[in-house]
N, C-alpha and C. Protein backbone atom coordinates (compact mmCIF):
# COMPACT_ATOMS: atom_id res chain seq x y z
N MET A 1 -21.92 31.11 43.70
CA MET A 1 -23.02 31.47 42.84
C MET A 1 -22.74 30.92 41.45
N GLY A 2 -23.69 30.24 40.89
CA GLY A 2 -23.56 29.69 39.55
C GLY A 2 -23.96 30.72 38.49
N ALA A 3 -23.93 30.30 37.26
CA ALA A 3 -24.32 31.16 36.14
C ALA A 3 -25.79 31.55 36.29
N GLN A 4 -26.09 32.75 35.85
CA GLN A 4 -27.45 33.27 35.93
C GLN A 4 -28.04 33.45 34.54
N ASN A 5 -29.35 33.31 34.47
CA ASN A 5 -30.07 33.50 33.22
C ASN A 5 -30.22 34.99 32.96
N GLY A 6 -29.75 35.44 31.80
CA GLY A 6 -29.80 36.85 31.45
C GLY A 6 -31.20 37.43 31.44
N LYS A 7 -32.20 36.62 31.14
CA LYS A 7 -33.57 37.13 31.08
C LYS A 7 -34.11 37.48 32.47
N ASP A 8 -33.38 37.08 33.54
CA ASP A 8 -33.81 37.39 34.90
C ASP A 8 -33.35 38.76 35.36
N LEU A 9 -32.52 39.46 34.57
CA LEU A 9 -32.14 40.83 34.86
C LEU A 9 -33.26 41.71 34.32
N LEU A 10 -34.06 42.26 35.23
CA LEU A 10 -35.28 42.97 34.84
C LEU A 10 -35.20 44.45 35.15
N ILE A 11 -35.78 45.25 34.28
CA ILE A 11 -35.94 46.68 34.50
C ILE A 11 -37.43 46.94 34.64
N LYS A 12 -37.80 47.54 35.78
CA LYS A 12 -39.22 47.80 36.04
C LYS A 12 -39.42 49.30 36.26
N VAL A 13 -40.60 49.78 35.89
CA VAL A 13 -40.93 51.19 36.05
C VAL A 13 -42.21 51.31 36.86
N ASP A 14 -42.28 52.35 37.68
CA ASP A 14 -43.49 52.67 38.42
C ASP A 14 -44.40 53.40 37.43
N LEU A 15 -45.42 52.72 36.95
CA LEU A 15 -46.27 53.27 35.89
C LEU A 15 -47.11 54.46 36.33
N THR A 16 -47.57 54.46 37.57
CA THR A 16 -48.53 55.48 37.99
C THR A 16 -48.08 56.29 39.19
N GLY A 17 -46.91 56.00 39.76
CA GLY A 17 -46.44 56.73 40.93
C GLY A 17 -46.96 56.17 42.25
N ASP A 18 -47.61 55.01 42.21
CA ASP A 18 -48.18 54.42 43.42
C ASP A 18 -47.33 53.29 44.01
N GLY A 19 -46.11 53.11 43.48
CA GLY A 19 -45.23 52.07 44.01
C GLY A 19 -45.44 50.69 43.42
N GLN A 20 -46.30 50.59 42.42
CA GLN A 20 -46.51 49.31 41.74
C GLN A 20 -45.65 49.29 40.48
N PHE A 21 -44.64 48.43 40.49
CA PHE A 21 -43.68 48.38 39.39
C PHE A 21 -44.07 47.31 38.38
N GLU A 22 -43.85 47.66 37.11
CA GLU A 22 -44.14 46.72 36.02
C GLU A 22 -42.91 46.59 35.13
N THR A 23 -42.58 45.37 34.77
CA THR A 23 -41.41 45.11 33.92
C THR A 23 -41.61 45.76 32.56
N ILE A 24 -40.57 46.46 32.10
CA ILE A 24 -40.62 47.04 30.75
C ILE A 24 -40.54 45.86 29.78
N ALA A 25 -41.58 45.69 29.03
CA ALA A 25 -41.74 44.50 28.19
C ALA A 25 -40.86 44.54 26.97
N GLY A 26 -40.51 43.36 26.49
CA GLY A 26 -39.84 43.21 25.22
C GLY A 26 -38.33 43.35 25.26
N LEU A 27 -37.75 43.66 26.42
CA LEU A 27 -36.30 43.80 26.47
C LEU A 27 -35.63 42.44 26.27
N ARG A 28 -34.66 42.39 25.41
CA ARG A 28 -33.92 41.16 25.15
C ARG A 28 -32.53 41.21 25.77
N ALA A 29 -31.99 42.41 25.90
CA ALA A 29 -30.66 42.58 26.48
C ALA A 29 -30.71 43.77 27.42
N THR A 30 -30.15 43.62 28.61
CA THR A 30 -30.12 44.71 29.58
C THR A 30 -28.73 44.80 30.18
N ARG A 31 -28.42 46.02 30.65
CA ARG A 31 -27.11 46.26 31.24
C ARG A 31 -27.27 47.34 32.31
N VAL A 32 -26.61 47.15 33.44
CA VAL A 32 -26.59 48.16 34.50
C VAL A 32 -25.15 48.38 34.92
N SER A 33 -24.79 49.63 35.14
CA SER A 33 -23.43 49.93 35.60
C SER A 33 -23.50 50.96 36.71
N PHE A 34 -22.59 50.81 37.68
CA PHE A 34 -22.50 51.73 38.80
C PHE A 34 -21.13 52.40 38.74
N ASN A 35 -21.11 53.69 39.03
CA ASN A 35 -19.87 54.45 38.94
C ASN A 35 -19.71 55.35 40.16
N ALA A 36 -18.47 55.59 40.55
CA ALA A 36 -18.15 56.55 41.61
C ALA A 36 -16.91 57.32 41.18
N GLU A 37 -17.06 58.63 41.08
CA GLU A 37 -15.91 59.45 40.71
C GLU A 37 -14.92 59.47 41.86
N SER A 38 -13.67 59.58 41.51
CA SER A 38 -12.64 59.70 42.55
C SER A 38 -12.21 61.17 42.66
N VAL A 39 -11.80 61.55 43.88
CA VAL A 39 -11.29 62.90 44.13
C VAL A 39 -9.82 62.75 44.51
N ASP A 40 -8.96 63.20 43.66
CA ASP A 40 -7.52 63.05 43.84
C ASP A 40 -7.02 64.12 44.81
N VAL A 41 -6.39 63.69 45.91
CA VAL A 41 -5.83 64.61 46.89
C VAL A 41 -4.32 64.39 47.04
N THR A 42 -3.70 63.88 45.99
CA THR A 42 -2.27 63.63 46.00
C THR A 42 -1.52 64.95 46.13
N SER A 43 -0.44 64.92 46.93
CA SER A 43 0.39 66.11 47.09
C SER A 43 1.85 65.70 47.10
N LEU A 44 2.73 66.65 47.25
CA LEU A 44 4.16 66.36 47.31
C LEU A 44 4.50 65.49 48.50
N GLU A 45 3.65 65.52 49.52
CA GLU A 45 3.90 64.73 50.72
C GLU A 45 3.31 63.33 50.64
N SER A 46 2.66 62.96 49.56
CA SER A 46 2.05 61.64 49.43
C SER A 46 3.12 60.57 49.49
N GLN A 47 2.90 59.58 50.33
CA GLN A 47 3.88 58.54 50.60
C GLN A 47 4.31 57.83 49.32
N GLY A 48 5.60 57.85 49.06
CA GLY A 48 6.16 57.15 47.92
C GLY A 48 5.70 57.69 46.57
N GLY A 49 5.06 58.84 46.55
CA GLY A 49 4.56 59.41 45.30
C GLY A 49 3.30 58.74 44.78
N TRP A 50 2.69 57.93 45.63
CA TRP A 50 1.45 57.24 45.23
C TRP A 50 0.26 58.18 45.29
N ARG A 51 -0.63 57.98 44.38
CA ARG A 51 -1.86 58.77 44.34
C ARG A 51 -2.67 58.50 45.60
N GLU A 52 -3.31 59.55 46.12
CA GLU A 52 -4.21 59.43 47.26
C GLU A 52 -5.60 59.90 46.83
N LEU A 53 -6.62 59.18 47.30
CA LEU A 53 -8.00 59.54 46.99
C LEU A 53 -8.73 59.91 48.27
N LEU A 54 -9.61 60.88 48.18
CA LEU A 54 -10.41 61.31 49.31
C LEU A 54 -11.59 60.35 49.49
N SER A 55 -11.61 59.66 50.61
CA SER A 55 -12.64 58.67 50.88
C SER A 55 -14.02 59.31 51.01
N GLY A 56 -15.01 58.71 50.40
CA GLY A 56 -16.38 59.17 50.52
C GLY A 56 -16.74 60.38 49.68
N ALA A 57 -15.80 60.90 48.94
CA ALA A 57 -16.07 62.08 48.10
C ALA A 57 -16.41 61.63 46.69
N GLY A 58 -16.79 62.53 45.86
CA GLY A 58 -17.08 62.21 44.46
C GLY A 58 -18.54 61.87 44.24
N VAL A 59 -18.95 61.94 43.01
CA VAL A 59 -20.34 61.72 42.62
C VAL A 59 -20.54 60.25 42.26
N LYS A 60 -21.60 59.65 42.82
CA LYS A 60 -21.98 58.29 42.46
C LYS A 60 -23.08 58.35 41.42
N SER A 61 -23.08 57.39 40.51
CA SER A 61 -24.12 57.36 39.49
C SER A 61 -24.36 55.93 39.04
N ALA A 62 -25.49 55.74 38.40
CA ALA A 62 -25.81 54.45 37.81
C ALA A 62 -26.39 54.70 36.42
N ALA A 63 -26.12 53.77 35.52
CA ALA A 63 -26.66 53.85 34.17
C ALA A 63 -27.27 52.50 33.82
N ILE A 64 -28.39 52.56 33.13
CA ILE A 64 -29.09 51.35 32.71
C ILE A 64 -29.33 51.46 31.21
N SER A 65 -29.16 50.36 30.51
CA SER A 65 -29.51 50.35 29.10
C SER A 65 -30.16 49.02 28.76
N GLY A 66 -30.94 49.05 27.73
CA GLY A 66 -31.60 47.83 27.28
C GLY A 66 -32.01 47.96 25.83
N SER A 67 -32.23 46.81 25.22
CA SER A 67 -32.72 46.81 23.85
C SER A 67 -33.69 45.65 23.70
N GLY A 68 -34.64 45.83 22.79
CA GLY A 68 -35.61 44.77 22.61
C GLY A 68 -36.62 45.09 21.53
N VAL A 69 -37.76 44.43 21.63
CA VAL A 69 -38.85 44.58 20.67
C VAL A 69 -40.10 45.05 21.40
N PHE A 70 -41.00 45.66 20.67
CA PHE A 70 -42.24 46.14 21.26
C PHE A 70 -43.14 44.96 21.60
N ARG A 71 -43.57 44.89 22.86
CA ARG A 71 -44.40 43.77 23.30
C ARG A 71 -45.63 44.22 24.07
N ASP A 72 -45.57 45.39 24.69
CA ASP A 72 -46.63 45.80 25.60
C ASP A 72 -46.88 47.29 25.43
N GLU A 73 -48.07 47.64 25.02
CA GLU A 73 -48.39 49.03 24.74
C GLU A 73 -48.24 49.92 25.97
N GLY A 74 -48.60 49.42 27.15
CA GLY A 74 -48.57 50.22 28.36
C GLY A 74 -47.19 50.69 28.76
N THR A 75 -46.23 49.76 28.85
CA THR A 75 -44.88 50.16 29.26
C THR A 75 -44.17 50.91 28.14
N ASP A 76 -44.44 50.57 26.88
CA ASP A 76 -43.84 51.32 25.77
C ASP A 76 -44.30 52.78 25.82
N GLU A 77 -45.60 52.97 25.98
CA GLU A 77 -46.16 54.32 26.01
C GLU A 77 -45.65 55.10 27.21
N ARG A 78 -45.60 54.47 28.37
CA ARG A 78 -45.16 55.15 29.60
C ARG A 78 -43.69 55.56 29.48
N THR A 79 -42.85 54.68 28.99
CA THR A 79 -41.43 55.00 28.85
C THR A 79 -41.23 56.16 27.88
N ARG A 80 -41.95 56.14 26.79
CA ARG A 80 -41.87 57.23 25.81
C ARG A 80 -42.33 58.55 26.43
N GLN A 81 -43.41 58.51 27.21
CA GLN A 81 -43.94 59.71 27.84
C GLN A 81 -42.97 60.25 28.89
N ILE A 82 -42.31 59.36 29.64
CA ILE A 82 -41.30 59.79 30.62
C ILE A 82 -40.21 60.59 29.92
N PHE A 83 -39.77 60.11 28.75
CA PHE A 83 -38.73 60.80 28.00
C PHE A 83 -39.20 62.19 27.57
N PHE A 84 -40.34 62.27 26.92
CA PHE A 84 -40.81 63.55 26.38
C PHE A 84 -41.20 64.55 27.45
N ASP A 85 -41.64 64.07 28.62
CA ASP A 85 -42.00 64.97 29.72
C ASP A 85 -40.82 65.30 30.62
N GLY A 86 -39.67 64.63 30.41
CA GLY A 86 -38.49 64.89 31.23
C GLY A 86 -38.68 64.46 32.68
N GLU A 87 -39.52 63.46 32.92
CA GLU A 87 -39.79 62.98 34.27
C GLU A 87 -38.64 62.14 34.80
N THR A 88 -38.61 61.97 36.12
CA THR A 88 -37.64 61.09 36.77
C THR A 88 -38.38 60.18 37.76
N PRO A 89 -39.18 59.25 37.25
CA PRO A 89 -39.94 58.36 38.13
C PRO A 89 -39.05 57.27 38.74
N GLN A 90 -39.64 56.51 39.63
CA GLN A 90 -38.94 55.41 40.28
C GLN A 90 -38.84 54.21 39.33
N PHE A 91 -37.67 53.61 39.31
CA PHE A 91 -37.42 52.39 38.58
C PHE A 91 -36.86 51.36 39.55
N GLN A 92 -37.01 50.09 39.21
CA GLN A 92 -36.38 49.00 39.94
C GLN A 92 -35.56 48.19 38.94
N VAL A 93 -34.40 47.75 39.39
CA VAL A 93 -33.59 46.83 38.59
C VAL A 93 -33.40 45.59 39.44
N ILE A 94 -33.87 44.47 38.92
CA ILE A 94 -33.73 43.19 39.60
C ILE A 94 -32.49 42.51 39.03
N ILE A 95 -31.48 42.32 39.87
CA ILE A 95 -30.24 41.66 39.45
C ILE A 95 -30.23 40.29 40.11
N PRO A 96 -30.36 39.21 39.32
CA PRO A 96 -30.51 37.87 39.89
C PRO A 96 -29.37 37.50 40.84
N ASP A 97 -29.75 36.90 41.96
CA ASP A 97 -28.81 36.45 43.01
C ASP A 97 -27.92 37.57 43.52
N PHE A 98 -28.33 38.82 43.35
CA PHE A 98 -27.57 39.96 43.84
C PHE A 98 -28.46 40.85 44.68
N GLY A 99 -29.48 41.44 44.04
CA GLY A 99 -30.37 42.30 44.78
C GLY A 99 -31.24 43.16 43.89
N VAL A 100 -31.94 44.08 44.55
CA VAL A 100 -32.85 45.01 43.87
C VAL A 100 -32.34 46.43 44.10
N VAL A 101 -32.13 47.16 43.02
CA VAL A 101 -31.73 48.56 43.07
C VAL A 101 -32.97 49.37 42.72
N GLU A 102 -33.26 50.39 43.52
CA GLU A 102 -34.45 51.20 43.27
C GLU A 102 -34.12 52.67 43.44
N GLY A 103 -34.71 53.50 42.58
CA GLY A 103 -34.54 54.94 42.69
C GLY A 103 -35.02 55.64 41.44
N ALA A 104 -34.86 56.95 41.47
CA ALA A 104 -35.30 57.78 40.35
C ALA A 104 -34.28 57.71 39.21
N PHE A 105 -34.80 57.57 38.00
CA PHE A 105 -33.96 57.56 36.79
C PHE A 105 -34.61 58.44 35.75
N GLN A 106 -33.79 59.01 34.90
CA GLN A 106 -34.26 59.77 33.74
C GLN A 106 -33.99 58.95 32.49
N VAL A 107 -34.97 58.91 31.61
CA VAL A 107 -34.77 58.26 30.31
C VAL A 107 -33.97 59.25 29.47
N THR A 108 -32.71 58.92 29.19
CA THR A 108 -31.84 59.85 28.48
C THR A 108 -31.80 59.60 26.98
N ALA A 109 -32.25 58.42 26.54
CA ALA A 109 -32.27 58.15 25.10
C ALA A 109 -33.22 57.01 24.80
N ILE A 110 -33.94 57.15 23.71
CA ILE A 110 -34.74 56.07 23.13
C ILE A 110 -34.43 56.07 21.64
N GLU A 111 -34.06 54.92 21.13
CA GLU A 111 -33.78 54.79 19.71
C GLU A 111 -34.67 53.70 19.13
N TYR A 112 -35.23 53.98 17.98
CA TYR A 112 -36.11 53.03 17.30
C TYR A 112 -35.46 52.60 15.99
N ALA A 113 -35.63 51.34 15.63
CA ALA A 113 -35.07 50.84 14.38
C ALA A 113 -35.95 49.72 13.84
N GLY A 114 -35.81 49.44 12.59
CA GLY A 114 -36.54 48.33 11.97
C GLY A 114 -36.10 48.15 10.54
N SER A 115 -36.24 46.93 10.08
CA SER A 115 -35.96 46.65 8.67
C SER A 115 -37.24 46.14 8.03
N HIS A 116 -37.27 46.17 6.72
CA HIS A 116 -38.51 45.81 6.02
C HIS A 116 -38.89 44.34 6.22
N ASN A 117 -37.94 43.50 6.58
CA ASN A 117 -38.26 42.08 6.76
C ASN A 117 -38.04 41.60 8.20
N GLY A 118 -38.14 42.52 9.16
CA GLY A 118 -37.95 42.16 10.56
C GLY A 118 -38.83 42.98 11.47
N GLU A 119 -38.71 42.70 12.76
CA GLU A 119 -39.52 43.40 13.75
C GLU A 119 -38.93 44.78 14.06
N ALA A 120 -39.79 45.66 14.55
CA ALA A 120 -39.33 46.97 15.02
C ALA A 120 -38.65 46.75 16.36
N THR A 121 -37.51 47.43 16.57
CA THR A 121 -36.76 47.29 17.81
C THR A 121 -36.54 48.66 18.43
N TYR A 122 -36.14 48.65 19.70
CA TYR A 122 -35.80 49.89 20.36
C TYR A 122 -34.64 49.68 21.31
N GLU A 123 -33.95 50.79 21.61
CA GLU A 123 -32.90 50.81 22.61
C GLU A 123 -33.22 51.93 23.58
N LEU A 124 -32.91 51.68 24.84
CA LEU A 124 -33.31 52.56 25.92
C LEU A 124 -32.10 52.83 26.81
N SER A 125 -31.89 54.08 27.22
CA SER A 125 -30.82 54.43 28.15
C SER A 125 -31.41 55.24 29.29
N LEU A 126 -30.99 54.91 30.52
CA LEU A 126 -31.46 55.59 31.72
C LEU A 126 -30.26 56.05 32.53
N ALA A 127 -30.40 57.19 33.22
CA ALA A 127 -29.36 57.69 34.11
C ALA A 127 -29.98 57.97 35.47
N SER A 128 -29.25 57.60 36.52
CA SER A 128 -29.77 57.83 37.87
C SER A 128 -29.99 59.32 38.10
N ALA A 129 -31.04 59.64 38.87
CA ALA A 129 -31.41 61.03 39.09
C ALA A 129 -31.60 61.32 40.57
N GLY A 130 -30.86 60.62 41.42
CA GLY A 130 -30.96 60.80 42.86
C GLY A 130 -30.38 59.59 43.57
N ALA A 131 -30.55 59.57 44.88
CA ALA A 131 -30.02 58.46 45.68
C ALA A 131 -30.73 57.16 45.33
N LEU A 132 -29.96 56.08 45.30
CA LEU A 132 -30.51 54.77 45.02
C LEU A 132 -30.48 53.92 46.29
N SER A 133 -31.44 53.01 46.39
CA SER A 133 -31.44 52.06 47.49
C SER A 133 -31.11 50.68 46.95
N PHE A 134 -30.57 49.84 47.82
CA PHE A 134 -30.22 48.49 47.44
C PHE A 134 -30.71 47.52 48.51
N VAL A 135 -31.38 46.47 48.09
CA VAL A 135 -31.81 45.40 48.98
C VAL A 135 -31.26 44.10 48.42
N ALA A 136 -30.45 43.39 49.20
CA ALA A 136 -29.87 42.12 48.75
C ALA A 136 -30.96 41.06 48.66
N LEU A 137 -30.81 40.17 47.69
CA LEU A 137 -31.73 39.03 47.55
C LEU A 137 -31.24 37.85 48.35
């Protein structure tokens, strides 16, 4: 796999709950991370004193963040409303040459900024709120 264009990493939101996803407009930088907690089951009998982990245990989670400029009233308004209503709608993350991750996410933070001689910007953070699905591209 060769280098990928960063603008192809897309975050999409289901605007109306009908399964039609729309890219959150204006994002210039995006990041997705996957995590799995480990459950330590090391004991005095652990071979050679090495740590042992319990397979399949622990909490899995995903976090998404992005930053950009306001470009589209519809997705800006919907994302803001998701935050204030505490909703956990379906999101899709398109990861180029990897796959599509889909599932419920909560908007955990929105930050707005601007300077007098520049554009208004925002930063967005999402946390997984249930099981995620993955489809390879």
